[in-house]
PDB file of all heavy atoms in Angstrom:
ATOM      1  N   LYS A   1      27.602  17.382  -4.967  1.00  0.00           N
ATOM      2  CA  LYS A   1      28.257  18.302  -5.956  1.00  0.00           C
ATOM      3  C   LYS A   1      28.928  19.356  -5.309  1.00  0.00           C
ATOM      4  O   LYS A   1      29.870  19.967  -6.042  1.00  0.00           O
ATOM      5  CB  LYS A   1      27.172  18.860  -6.869  1.00  0.00           C
ATOM      6  CG  LYS A   1      26.401  17.824  -7.760  1.00  0.00           C
ATOM      7  CD  LYS A   1      25.347  18.484  -8.570  1.00  0.00           C
ATOM      8  CE  LYS A   1      24.539  17.452  -9.330  1.00  0.00           C
ATOM      9  NZ  LYS A   1      23.486  18.115 -10.230  1.00  0.00           N
ATOM     10  N   GLN A   2      28.687  19.741  -4.023  1.00  0.00           N
ATOM     11  CA  GLN A   2      29.402  20.731  -3.293  1.00  0.00           C
ATOM     12  C   GLN A   2      30.483  20.273  -2.543  1.00  0.00           C
ATOM     13  O   GLN A   2      31.121  21.058  -1.633  1.00  0.00           O
ATOM     14  CB  GLN A   2      28.390  21.523  -2.567  1.00  0.00           C
ATOM     15  CG  GLN A   2      27.160  22.073  -3.279  1.00  0.00           C
ATOM     16  CD  GLN A   2      27.485  22.853  -4.489  1.00  0.00           C
ATOM     17  OE1 GLN A   2      28.277  23.872  -4.432  1.00  0.00           O
ATOM     18  NE2 GLN A   2      26.962  22.596  -5.625  1.00  0.00           N
ATOM     19  N   VAL A   3      30.962  19.033  -2.668  1.00  0.00           N
ATOM     20  CA  VAL A   3      32.035  18.331  -1.975  1.00  0.00           C
ATOM     21  C   VAL A   3      33.186  18.060  -2.969  1.00  0.00           C
ATOM     22  O   VAL A   3      32.895  17.211  -3.782  1.00  0.00           O
ATOM     23  CB  VAL A   3      31.622  17.234  -1.185  1.00  0.00           C
ATOM     24  CG1 VAL A   3      32.798  16.631  -0.540  1.00  0.00           C
ATOM     25  CG2 VAL A   3      30.489  17.684  -0.163  1.00  0.00           C
ATOM     26  N   GLN A   4      34.271  18.680  -2.814  1.00  0.00           N
ATOM     27  CA  GLN A   4      35.312  18.379  -3.794  1.00  0.00           C
ATOM     28  C   GLN A   4      36.729  18.284  -3.116  1.00  0.00           C
ATOM     29  O   GLN A   4      36.949  18.993  -2.172  1.00  0.00           O
ATOM     30  CB  GLN A   4      35.507  19.427  -4.934  1.00  0.00           C
ATOM     31  CG  GLN A   4      34.345  19.543  -5.841  1.00  0.00           C
ATOM     32  CD  GLN A   4      34.545  20.480  -6.991  1.00  0.00           C
ATOM     33  OE1 GLN A   4      35.060  21.520  -6.731  1.00  0.00           O
ATOM     34  NE2 GLN A   4      34.013  20.173  -8.194  1.00  0.00           N
ATOM     35  N   VAL A   5      37.554  17.264  -3.495  1.00  0.00           N
ATOM     36  CA  VAL A   5      38.827  17.151  -3.020  1.00  0.00           C
ATOM     37  C   VAL A   5      39.980  17.312  -4.133  1.00  0.00           C
ATOM     38  O   VAL A   5      39.849  16.622  -5.102  1.00  0.00           O
ATOM     39  CB  VAL A   5      39.084  15.810  -2.310  1.00  0.00           C
ATOM     40  CG1 VAL A   5      40.651  15.583  -1.990  1.00  0.00           C
ATOM     41  CG2 VAL A   5      38.316  15.799  -1.016  1.00  0.00           C
ATOM     42  N   GLU A   6      40.800  18.429  -4.038  1.00  0.00           N
ATOM     43  CA  GLU A   6      41.778  18.599  -5.079  1.00  0.00           C
ATOM     44  C   GLU A   6      43.008  19.402  -4.491  1.00  0.00           C
ATOM     45  O   GLU A   6      42.758  20.204  -3.693  1.00  0.00           O
ATOM     46  CB  GLU A   6      41.087  19.523  -6.174  1.00  0.00           C
ATOM     47  CG  GLU A   6      41.978  19.752  -7.430  1.00  0.00           C
ATOM     48  CD  GLU A   6      41.235  20.547  -8.398  1.00  0.00           C
ATOM     49  OE1 GLU A   6      40.021  20.812  -8.238  1.00  0.00           O
ATOM     50  OE2 GLU A   6      41.831  21.029  -9.360  1.00  0.00           O
ATOM     51  N   GLY A   7      44.113  18.920  -4.837  1.00  0.00           N
ATOM     52  CA  GLY A   7      45.409  19.551  -4.531  1.00  0.00           C
ATOM     53  C   GLY A   7      45.680  19.553  -3.042  1.00  0.00           C
ATOM     54  O   GLY A   7      46.254  20.364  -2.382  1.00  0.00           O
ATOM     55  N   GLY A   8      45.180  18.349  -2.413  1.00  0.00           N
ATOM     56  CA  GLY A   8      45.306  18.290  -0.989  1.00  0.00           C
ATOM     57  C   GLY A   8      44.402  19.097  -0.086  1.00  0.00           C
ATOM     58  O   GLY A   8      44.744  19.327   1.078  1.00  0.00           O
ATOM     59  N   GLU A   9      43.382  19.568  -0.686  1.00  0.00           N
ATOM     60  CA  GLU A   9      42.369  20.291   0.119  1.00  0.00           C
ATOM     61  C   GLU A   9      40.987  19.773  -0.139  1.00  0.00           C
ATOM     62  O   GLU A   9      40.571  19.300  -1.181  1.00  0.00           O
ATOM     63  CB  GLU A   9      42.384  21.776  -0.362  1.00  0.00           C
ATOM     64  CG  GLU A   9      43.554  22.527   0.188  1.00  0.00           C
ATOM     65  CD  GLU A   9      43.346  24.038  -0.231  1.00  0.00           C
ATOM     66  OE1 GLU A   9      42.460  24.454  -0.739  1.00  0.00           O
ATOM     67  OE2 GLU A   9      44.488  24.800   0.050  1.00  0.00           O
ATOM     68  N   LEU A  10      40.194  19.923   0.928  1.00  0.00           N
ATOM     69  CA  LEU A  10      38.695  19.577   0.762  1.00  0.00           C
ATOM     70  C   LEU A  10      38.008  21.051   0.677  1.00  0.00           C
ATOM     71  O   LEU A  10      38.319  21.868   1.335  1.00  0.00           O
ATOM     72  CB  LEU A  10      38.169  18.864   2.091  1.00  0.00           C
ATOM     73  CG  LEU A  10      36.764  18.887   2.196  1.00  0.00           C
ATOM     74  CD1 LEU A  10      35.982  17.976   1.178  1.00  0.00           C
ATOM     75  CD2 LEU A  10      36.380  18.504   3.627  1.00  0.00           C
ATOM     76  N   ARG A  11      37.153  21.044  -0.408  1.00  0.00           N
ATOM     77  CA  ARG A  11      36.487  22.232  -0.534  1.00  0.00           C
ATOM     78  C   ARG A  11      34.839  22.054  -0.513  1.00  0.00           C
ATOM     79  O   ARG A  11      34.371  21.124  -1.127  1.00  0.00           O
ATOM     80  CB  ARG A  11      36.762  22.814  -1.941  1.00  0.00           C
ATOM     81  CG  ARG A  11      36.164  24.223  -2.304  1.00  0.00           C
ATOM     82  CD  ARG A  11      36.535  24.558  -3.632  1.00  0.00           C
ATOM     83  NE  ARG A  11      37.924  24.937  -3.811  1.00  0.00           N
ATOM     84  CZ  ARG A  11      38.608  26.092  -3.619  1.00  0.00           C
ATOM     85  NH1 ARG A  11      37.718  27.135  -3.333  1.00  0.00           N
ATOM     86  NH2 ARG A  11      39.799  26.252  -3.815  1.00  0.00           N
ATOM     87  N   LEU A  12      34.315  22.764   0.495  1.00  0.00           N
ATOM     88  CA  LEU A  12      32.885  22.602   0.712  1.00  0.00           C
ATOM     89  C   LEU A  12      32.250  23.895   0.166  1.00  0.00           C
ATOM     90  O   LEU A  12      32.610  25.042   0.585  1.00  0.00           O
ATOM     91  CB  LEU A  12      32.504  22.308   2.074  1.00  0.00           C
ATOM     92  CG  LEU A  12      33.187  21.067   2.711  1.00  0.00           C
ATOM     93  CD1 LEU A  12      32.781  20.979   4.280  1.00  0.00           C
ATOM     94  CD2 LEU A  12      32.718  19.946   1.997  1.00  0.00           C
ATOM     95  N   SER A  13      31.247  23.854  -0.752  1.00  0.00           N
ATOM     96  CA  SER A  13      30.738  25.074  -1.399  1.00  0.00           C
ATOM     97  C   SER A  13      29.273  25.302  -1.211  1.00  0.00           C
ATOM     98  O   SER A  13      28.454  24.414  -0.837  1.00  0.00           O
ATOM     99  CB  SER A  13      30.967  24.973  -2.931  1.00  0.00           C
ATOM    100  OG  SER A  13      32.400  24.725  -3.259  1.00  0.00           O
ATOM    101  N   PHE A  14      28.850  26.598  -1.274  1.00  0.00           N
ATOM    102  CA  PHE A  14      27.444  26.978  -1.177  1.00  0.00           C
ATOM    103  C   PHE A  14      27.252  27.755  -2.620  1.00  0.00           C
ATOM    104  O   PHE A  14      27.987  28.658  -3.011  1.00  0.00           O
ATOM    105  CB  PHE A  14      27.337  27.890  -0.050  1.00  0.00           C
ATOM    106  CG  PHE A  14      25.856  28.405   0.095  1.00  0.00           C
ATOM    107  CD1 PHE A  14      25.077  27.734   1.012  1.00  0.00           C
ATOM    108  CD2 PHE A  14      25.302  29.464  -0.683  1.00  0.00           C
ATOM    109  CE1 PHE A  14      23.758  28.120   1.251  1.00  0.00           C
ATOM    110  CE2 PHE A  14      23.982  29.755  -0.472  1.00  0.00           C
ATOM    111  CZ  PHE A  14      23.165  29.143   0.444  1.00  0.00           C
ATOM    112  N   ALA A  15      26.233  27.306  -3.320  1.00  0.00           N
ATOM    113  CA  ALA A  15      25.913  27.849  -4.608  1.00  0.00           C
ATOM    114  C   ALA A  15      24.448  27.726  -4.954  1.00  0.00           C
ATOM    115  O   ALA A  15      23.616  26.997  -4.302  1.00  0.00           O
ATOM    116  CB  ALA A  15      26.781  27.162  -5.639  1.00  0.00           C
ATOM    117  N   GLU A  16      23.909  28.563  -5.963  1.00  0.00           N
ATOM    118  CA  GLU A  16      22.617  28.326  -6.462  1.00  0.00           C
ATOM    119  C   GLU A  16      22.417  26.940  -7.058  1.00  0.00           C
ATOM    120  O   GLU A  16      23.280  26.456  -7.686  1.00  0.00           O
ATOM    121  CB  GLU A  16      22.245  29.414  -7.474  1.00  0.00           C
ATOM    122  CG  GLU A  16      21.856  30.718  -7.003  1.00  0.00           C
ATOM    123  CD  GLU A  16      21.380  31.694  -7.961  1.00  0.00           C
ATOM    124  OE1 GLU A  16      22.221  31.843  -9.042  1.00  0.00           O
ATOM    125  OE2 GLU A  16      20.261  32.173  -7.913  1.00  0.00           O
ATOM    126  N   GLY A  17      21.221  26.398  -6.878  1.00  0.00           N
ATOM    127  CA  GLY A  17      20.900  25.177  -7.475  1.00  0.00           C
ATOM    128  C   GLY A  17      19.653  24.483  -6.780  1.00  0.00           C
ATOM    129  O   GLY A  17      19.603  24.475  -5.648  1.00  0.00           O
ATOM    130  N   LYS A  18      18.761  24.166  -7.631  1.00  0.00           N
ATOM    131  CA  LYS A  18      17.499  23.722  -7.332  1.00  0.00           C
ATOM    132  C   LYS A  18      17.436  22.231  -6.795  1.00  0.00           C
ATOM    133  O   LYS A  18      17.960  21.521  -7.678  1.00  0.00           O
ATOM    134  CB  LYS A  18      16.406  23.827  -8.355  1.00  0.00           C
ATOM    135  CG  LYS A  18      15.013  23.420  -7.971  1.00  0.00           C
ATOM    136  CD  LYS A  18      14.249  24.353  -7.106  1.00  0.00           C
ATOM    137  CE  LYS A  18      12.883  23.970  -6.820  1.00  0.00           C
ATOM    138  NZ  LYS A  18      12.246  24.741  -5.846  1.00  0.00           N
ATOM    139  N   ALA A  19      17.041  21.991  -5.547  1.00  0.00           N
ATOM    140  CA  ALA A  19      17.031  20.635  -5.113  1.00  0.00           C
ATOM    141  C   ALA A  19      15.760  20.535  -4.130  1.00  0.00           C
ATOM    142  O   ALA A  19      15.761  21.251  -3.097  1.00  0.00           O
ATOM    143  CB  ALA A  19      18.250  20.105  -4.474  1.00  0.00           C
ATOM    144  N   ALA A  20      14.957  19.572  -4.227  1.00  0.00           N
ATOM    145  CA  ALA A  20      13.863  19.502  -3.397  1.00  0.00           C
ATOM    146  C   ALA A  20      13.030  20.853  -3.451  1.00  0.00           C
ATOM    147  O   ALA A  20      12.863  21.483  -4.433  1.00  0.00           O
ATOM    148  CB  ALA A  20      14.172  18.938  -2.035  1.00  0.00           C
ATOM    149  N   ASP A  21      12.860  21.387  -2.144  1.00  0.00           N
ATOM    150  CA  ASP A  21      12.109  22.668  -2.149  1.00  0.00           C
ATOM    151  C   ASP A  21      13.224  23.719  -1.709  1.00  0.00           C
ATOM    152  O   ASP A  21      12.732  24.869  -1.077  1.00  0.00           O
ATOM    153  CB  ASP A  21      11.035  22.560  -0.976  1.00  0.00           C
ATOM    154  CG  ASP A  21      11.598  22.153   0.394  1.00  0.00           C
ATOM    155  OD1 ASP A  21      12.686  21.765   0.439  1.00  0.00           O
ATOM    156  OD2 ASP A  21      10.825  22.274   1.341  1.00  0.00           O
ATOM    157  N   ARG A  22      14.408  23.652  -1.954  1.00  0.00           N
ATOM    158  CA  ARG A  22      15.475  24.708  -1.689  1.00  0.00           C
ATOM    159  C   ARG A  22      16.017  25.222  -2.947  1.00  0.00           C
ATOM    160  O   ARG A  22      16.192  24.544  -3.994  1.00  0.00           O
ATOM    161  CB  ARG A  22      16.526  24.090  -0.749  1.00  0.00           C
ATOM    162  CG  ARG A  22      16.076  23.514   0.469  1.00  0.00           C
ATOM    163  CD  ARG A  22      15.579  24.528   1.485  1.00  0.00           C
ATOM    164  NE  ARG A  22      15.375  24.028   2.871  1.00  0.00           N
ATOM    165  CZ  ARG A  22      14.302  23.653   3.373  1.00  0.00           C
ATOM    166  NH1 ARG A  22      13.247  23.484   2.550  1.00  0.00           N
ATOM    167  NH2 ARG A  22      14.238  23.222   4.615  1.00  0.00           N
ATOM    168  N   LYS A  23      16.418  26.457  -2.961  1.00  0.00           N
ATOM    169  CA  LYS A  23      16.969  27.162  -4.130  1.00  0.00           C
ATOM    170  C   LYS A  23      18.537  26.991  -4.024  1.00  0.00           C
ATOM    171  O   LYS A  23      19.172  27.415  -5.175  1.00  0.00           O
ATOM    172  CB  LYS A  23      16.729  28.619  -4.029  1.00  0.00           C
ATOM    173  CG  LYS A  23      15.240  29.080  -4.256  1.00  0.00           C
ATOM    174  CD  LYS A  23      15.165  30.442  -4.362  1.00  0.00           C
ATOM    175  CE  LYS A  23      13.676  30.963  -3.972  1.00  0.00           C
ATOM    176  NZ  LYS A  23      13.666  32.442  -4.096  1.00  0.00           N
ATOM    177  N   TYR A  24      19.250  26.500  -3.081  1.00  0.00           N
ATOM    178  CA  TYR A  24      20.680  26.500  -2.987  1.00  0.00           C
ATOM    179  C   TYR A  24      21.096  25.195  -2.486  1.00  0.00           C
ATOM    180  O   TYR A  24      20.413  24.330  -1.998  1.00  0.00           O
ATOM    181  CB  TYR A  24      21.140  27.581  -2.023  1.00  0.00           C
ATOM    182  CG  TYR A  24      20.617  28.899  -2.236  1.00  0.00           C
ATOM    183  CD1 TYR A  24      19.540  29.434  -1.600  1.00  0.00           C
ATOM    184  CD2 TYR A  24      21.338  29.669  -3.190  1.00  0.00           C
ATOM    185  CE1 TYR A  24      19.010  30.762  -1.836  1.00  0.00           C
ATOM    186  CE2 TYR A  24      20.872  31.026  -3.464  1.00  0.00           C
ATOM    187  CZ  TYR A  24      19.791  31.519  -2.730  1.00  0.00           C
ATOM    188  OH  TYR A  24      19.293  32.848  -3.167  1.00  0.00           O
ATOM    189  N   LEU A  25      22.430  24.854  -2.922  1.00  0.00           N
ATOM    190  CA  LEU A  25      23.052  23.643  -2.522  1.00  0.00           C
ATOM    191  C   LEU A  25      24.203  23.878  -1.586  1.00  0.00           C
ATOM    192  O   LEU A  25      24.898  24.992  -1.788  1.00  0.00           O
ATOM    193  CB  LEU A  25      23.631  22.996  -3.825  1.00  0.00           C
ATOM    194  CG  LEU A  25      22.540  22.656  -4.844  1.00  0.00           C
ATOM    195  CD1 LEU A  25      23.325  22.045  -6.181  1.00  0.00           C
ATOM    196  CD2 LEU A  25      21.555  21.645  -4.489  1.00  0.00           C
ATOM    197  N   CYS A  26      24.537  23.133  -0.809  1.00  0.00           N
ATOM    198  CA  CYS A  26      25.625  23.205   0.125  1.00  0.00           C
ATOM    199  C   CYS A  26      26.385  22.015   0.565  1.00  0.00           C
ATOM    200  O   CYS A  26      25.784  20.830   0.157  1.00  0.00           O
ATOM    201  CB  CYS A  26      25.107  23.829   1.462  1.00  0.00           C
ATOM    202  SG  CYS A  26      23.599  23.191   2.245  1.00  0.00           S
ATOM    203  N   GLY A  27      27.569  21.958   1.105  1.00  0.00           N
ATOM    204  CA  GLY A  27      28.375  20.786   1.172  1.00  0.00           C
ATOM    205  C   GLY A  27      28.702  20.558   2.751  1.00  0.00           C
ATOM    206  O   GLY A  27      28.841  21.246   3.567  1.00  0.00           O
ATOM    207  N   GLU A  28      28.698  19.113   2.910  1.00  0.00           N
ATOM    208  CA  GLU A  28      29.051  18.553   4.256  1.00  0.00           C
ATOM    209  C   GLU A  28      29.523  17.209   4.118  1.00  0.00           C
ATOM    210  O   GLU A  28      29.187  16.417   3.326  1.00  0.00           O
ATOM    211  CB  GLU A  28      27.693  18.600   5.180  1.00  0.00           C
ATOM    212  CG  GLU A  28      27.906  18.030   6.529  1.00  0.00           C
ATOM    213  CD  GLU A  28      26.700  17.889   7.307  1.00  0.00           C
ATOM    214  OE1 GLU A  28      25.807  16.935   7.140  1.00  0.00           O
ATOM    215  OE2 GLU A  28      26.488  18.747   8.267  1.00  0.00           O
ATOM    216  N   ILE A  29      30.580  16.903   5.013  1.00  0.00           N
ATOM    217  CA  ILE A  29      30.985  15.659   5.203  1.00  0.00           C
ATOM    218  C   ILE A  29      30.944  15.223   6.647  1.00  0.00           C
ATOM    219  O   ILE A  29      30.996  16.187   7.545  1.00  0.00           O
ATOM    220  CB  ILE A  29      32.404  15.294   4.576  1.00  0.00           C
ATOM    221  CG1 ILE A  29      33.494  16.108   5.329  1.00  0.00           C
ATOM    222  CG2 ILE A  29      32.367  15.599   3.005  1.00  0.00           C
ATOM    223  CD1 ILE A  29      34.917  15.576   4.954  1.00  0.00           C
ATOM    224  N   GLN A  30      30.955  13.984   6.993  1.00  0.00           N
ATOM    225  CA  GLN A  30      30.885  13.472   8.360  1.00  0.00           C
ATOM    226  C   GLN A  30      31.655  12.185   8.410  1.00  0.00           C
ATOM    227  O   GLN A  30      31.521  11.351   7.439  1.00  0.00           O
ATOM    228  CB  GLN A  30      29.407  13.421   8.863  1.00  0.00           C
ATOM    229  CG  GLN A  30      28.473  12.524   8.033  1.00  0.00           C
ATOM    230  CD  GLN A  30      27.119  12.450   8.611  1.00  0.00           C
ATOM    231  OE1 GLN A  30      26.802  11.782   9.615  1.00  0.00           O
ATOM    232  NE2 GLN A  30      26.199  13.295   7.909  1.00  0.00           N
ATOM    233  N   THR A  31      32.173  11.832   9.623  1.00  0.00           N
ATOM    234  CA  THR A  31      32.832  10.453   9.726  1.00  0.00           C
ATOM    235  C   THR A  31      31.570   9.507   9.950  1.00  0.00           C
ATOM    236  O   THR A  31      30.606   9.753  10.488  1.00  0.00           O
ATOM    237  CB  THR A  31      33.732  10.432  10.936  1.00  0.00           C
ATOM    238  OG1 THR A  31      32.945  10.735  12.085  1.00  0.00           O
ATOM    239  CG2 THR A  31      34.855  11.427  10.788  1.00  0.00           C
ATOM    240  N   LYS A  32      31.924   8.179   9.569  1.00  0.00           N
ATOM    241  CA  LYS A  32      31.110   7.078   9.763  1.00  0.00           C
ATOM    242  C   LYS A  32      31.294   6.634  11.229  1.00  0.00           C
ATOM    243  O   LYS A  32      30.326   6.154  11.813  1.00  0.00           O
ATOM    244  CB  LYS A  32      31.331   6.006   8.809  1.00  0.00           C
ATOM    245  CG  LYS A  32      30.999   6.417   7.411  1.00  0.00           C
ATOM    246  CD  LYS A  32      31.075   5.290   6.258  1.00  0.00           C
ATOM    247  CE  LYS A  32      30.702   5.627   4.927  1.00  0.00           C
ATOM    248  NZ  LYS A  32      30.843   4.625   3.952  1.00  0.00           N
ATOM    249  N   ALA A  33      32.411   6.772  11.701  1.00  0.00           N
ATOM    250  CA  ALA A  33      32.875   6.262  13.069  1.00  0.00           C
ATOM    251  C   ALA A  33      32.466   7.372  14.082  1.00  0.00           C
ATOM    252  O   ALA A  33      32.308   8.543  13.731  1.00  0.00           O
ATOM    253  CB  ALA A  33      34.276   5.925  13.227  1.00  0.00           C
ATOM    254  N   ARG A  34      32.449   6.957  15.353  1.00  0.00           N
ATOM    255  CA  ARG A  34      32.109   7.819  16.443  1.00  0.00           C
ATOM    256  C   ARG A  34      33.375   7.899  17.286  1.00  0.00           C
ATOM    257  O   ARG A  34      34.100   6.851  17.599  1.00  0.00           O
ATOM    258  CB  ARG A  34      30.991   7.364  17.241  1.00  0.00           C
ATOM    259  CG  ARG A  34      29.740   7.196  16.461  1.00  0.00           C
ATOM    260  CD  ARG A  34      28.494   6.693  17.338  1.00  0.00           C
ATOM    261  NE  ARG A  34      27.361   6.312  16.486  1.00  0.00           N
ATOM    262  CZ  ARG A  34      26.156   6.010  16.917  1.00  0.00           C
ATOM    263  NH1 ARG A  34      25.954   5.966  18.241  1.00  0.00           N
ATOM    264  NH2 ARG A  34      25.094   5.707  16.148  1.00  0.00           N
ATOM    265  N   PHE A  35      33.587   9.126  17.764  1.00  0.00           N
ATOM    266  CA  PHE A  35      34.798   9.431  18.561  1.00  0.00           C
ATOM    267  C   PHE A  35      34.651   9.914  19.915  1.00  0.00           C
ATOM    268  O   PHE A  35      33.532  10.443  20.195  1.00  0.00           O
ATOM    269  CB  PHE A  35      35.682  10.436  17.723  1.00  0.00           C
ATOM    270  CG  PHE A  35      36.214  10.037  16.406  1.00  0.00           C
ATOM    271  CD1 PHE A  35      35.248  10.036  15.222  1.00  0.00           C
ATOM    272  CD2 PHE A  35      37.358   9.401  16.178  1.00  0.00           C
ATOM    273  CE1 PHE A  35      35.577   9.585  13.998  1.00  0.00           C
ATOM    274  CE2 PHE A  35      37.683   8.872  14.967  1.00  0.00           C
ATOM    275  CZ  PHE A  35      36.853   8.977  13.912  1.00  0.00           C
ATOM    276  N   GLY A  36      35.500   9.754  20.849  1.00  0.00           N
ATOM    277  CA  GLY A  36      35.250  10.126  22.231  1.00  0.00           C
ATOM    278  C   GLY A  36      36.213  11.163  22.721  1.00  0.00           C
ATOM    279  O   GLY A  36      36.799  12.002  22.007  1.00  0.00           O
ATOM    280  N   TYR A  37      36.690  11.006  24.006  1.00  0.00           N
ATOM    281  CA  TYR A  37      37.622  11.968  24.639  1.00  0.00           C
ATOM    282  C   TYR A  37      38.830  12.067  23.692  1.00  0.00           C
ATOM    283  O   TYR A  37      39.473  11.078  23.416  1.00  0.00           O
ATOM    284  CB  TYR A  37      37.901  11.650  26.037  1.00  0.00           C
ATOM    285  CG  TYR A  37      36.673  11.548  26.880  1.00  0.00           C
ATOM    286  CD1 TYR A  37      36.335  10.383  27.693  1.00  0.00           C
ATOM    287  CD2 TYR A  37      35.785  12.667  26.842  1.00  0.00           C
ATOM    288  CE1 TYR A  37      35.231  10.402  28.470  1.00  0.00           C
ATOM    289  CE2 TYR A  37      34.736  12.648  27.617  1.00  0.00           C
ATOM    290  CZ  TYR A  37      34.271  11.529  28.509  1.00  0.00           C
ATOM    291  OH  TYR A  37      33.229  11.528  29.243  1.00  0.00           O
ATOM    292  N   GLY A  38      39.410  13.230  23.606  1.00  0.00           N
ATOM    293  CA  GLY A  38      40.670  13.370  22.729  1.00  0.00           C
ATOM    294  C   GLY A  38      40.708  14.703  22.228  1.00  0.00           C
ATOM    295  O   GLY A  38      39.910  15.633  22.601  1.00  0.00           O
ATOM    296  N   THR A  39      41.658  14.913  21.267  1.00  0.00           N
ATOM    297  CA  THR A  39      41.902  16.222  20.632  1.00  0.00           C
ATOM    298  C   THR A  39      41.487  16.221  19.306  1.00  0.00           C
ATOM    299  O   THR A  39      41.789  15.291  18.437  1.00  0.00           O
ATOM    300  CB  THR A  39      43.365  16.505  20.640  1.00  0.00           C
ATOM    301  OG1 THR A  39      43.892  16.523  21.955  1.00  0.00           O
ATOM    302  CG2 THR A  39      43.758  17.915  20.063  1.00  0.00           C
TER     303      THR A  39
END
């Protein structure tokens, strides 16, 4: 819920929201592939 793409931007958010034993919700994305030497 804290991951949104709109208007050519990715938005990762932090907000109040109960889940499991935490009071807050936060956002993260990660690649499925693995990368090596480069930029």
